[in-house]
Amino acid sequence: MPFITCLNCHQPLTGELQEVPMPPAAEKVEGHRVAPPRVSQGNYAISPKTGMIILNPGDLPGTAPHPDRERRNGCCGLDGLDGPNLVCRGCGADVATQQSDCWTDHLVAAAPDTVTIGAETPG
């Protein structure tokens, strides 16, 4: 099964994942509540509009919060509006943007120029 790695150092960012079609956007959640994740845990999707790799926020143990606090803004979670807010635990490279605020989708988006999709688990 595929997994996602850092393009810079090839450190695994996820465990094994299964590709699924891009799910529709979640219904708006009333009040200050976080929406359910756009992609279920253990899966990923590729956005046909942007080419971004869309992941479940719980599937990225190889990442860490960005050291620049200004990248981690939001009210109830991360809004993802200030650039990548997740870095590779191995080398510190910007690898993805998490959105988890009460008014955003609940997902992690990785640009194809920051990560790779591997065919086998390394090691």
Foldseek 3Di string as FASTA:
>chain_A
DKFKAWPVPRHTFFDAAAEDEQADFDDQDPDWDWDPARDDARYWYQDPVARWIKHAPVGGPQKDFQPPVVCQDADAGRQQPNDQGIAGNVPRHRFWTAHTGNGDHGIITGHPVTMDIDDDDDD
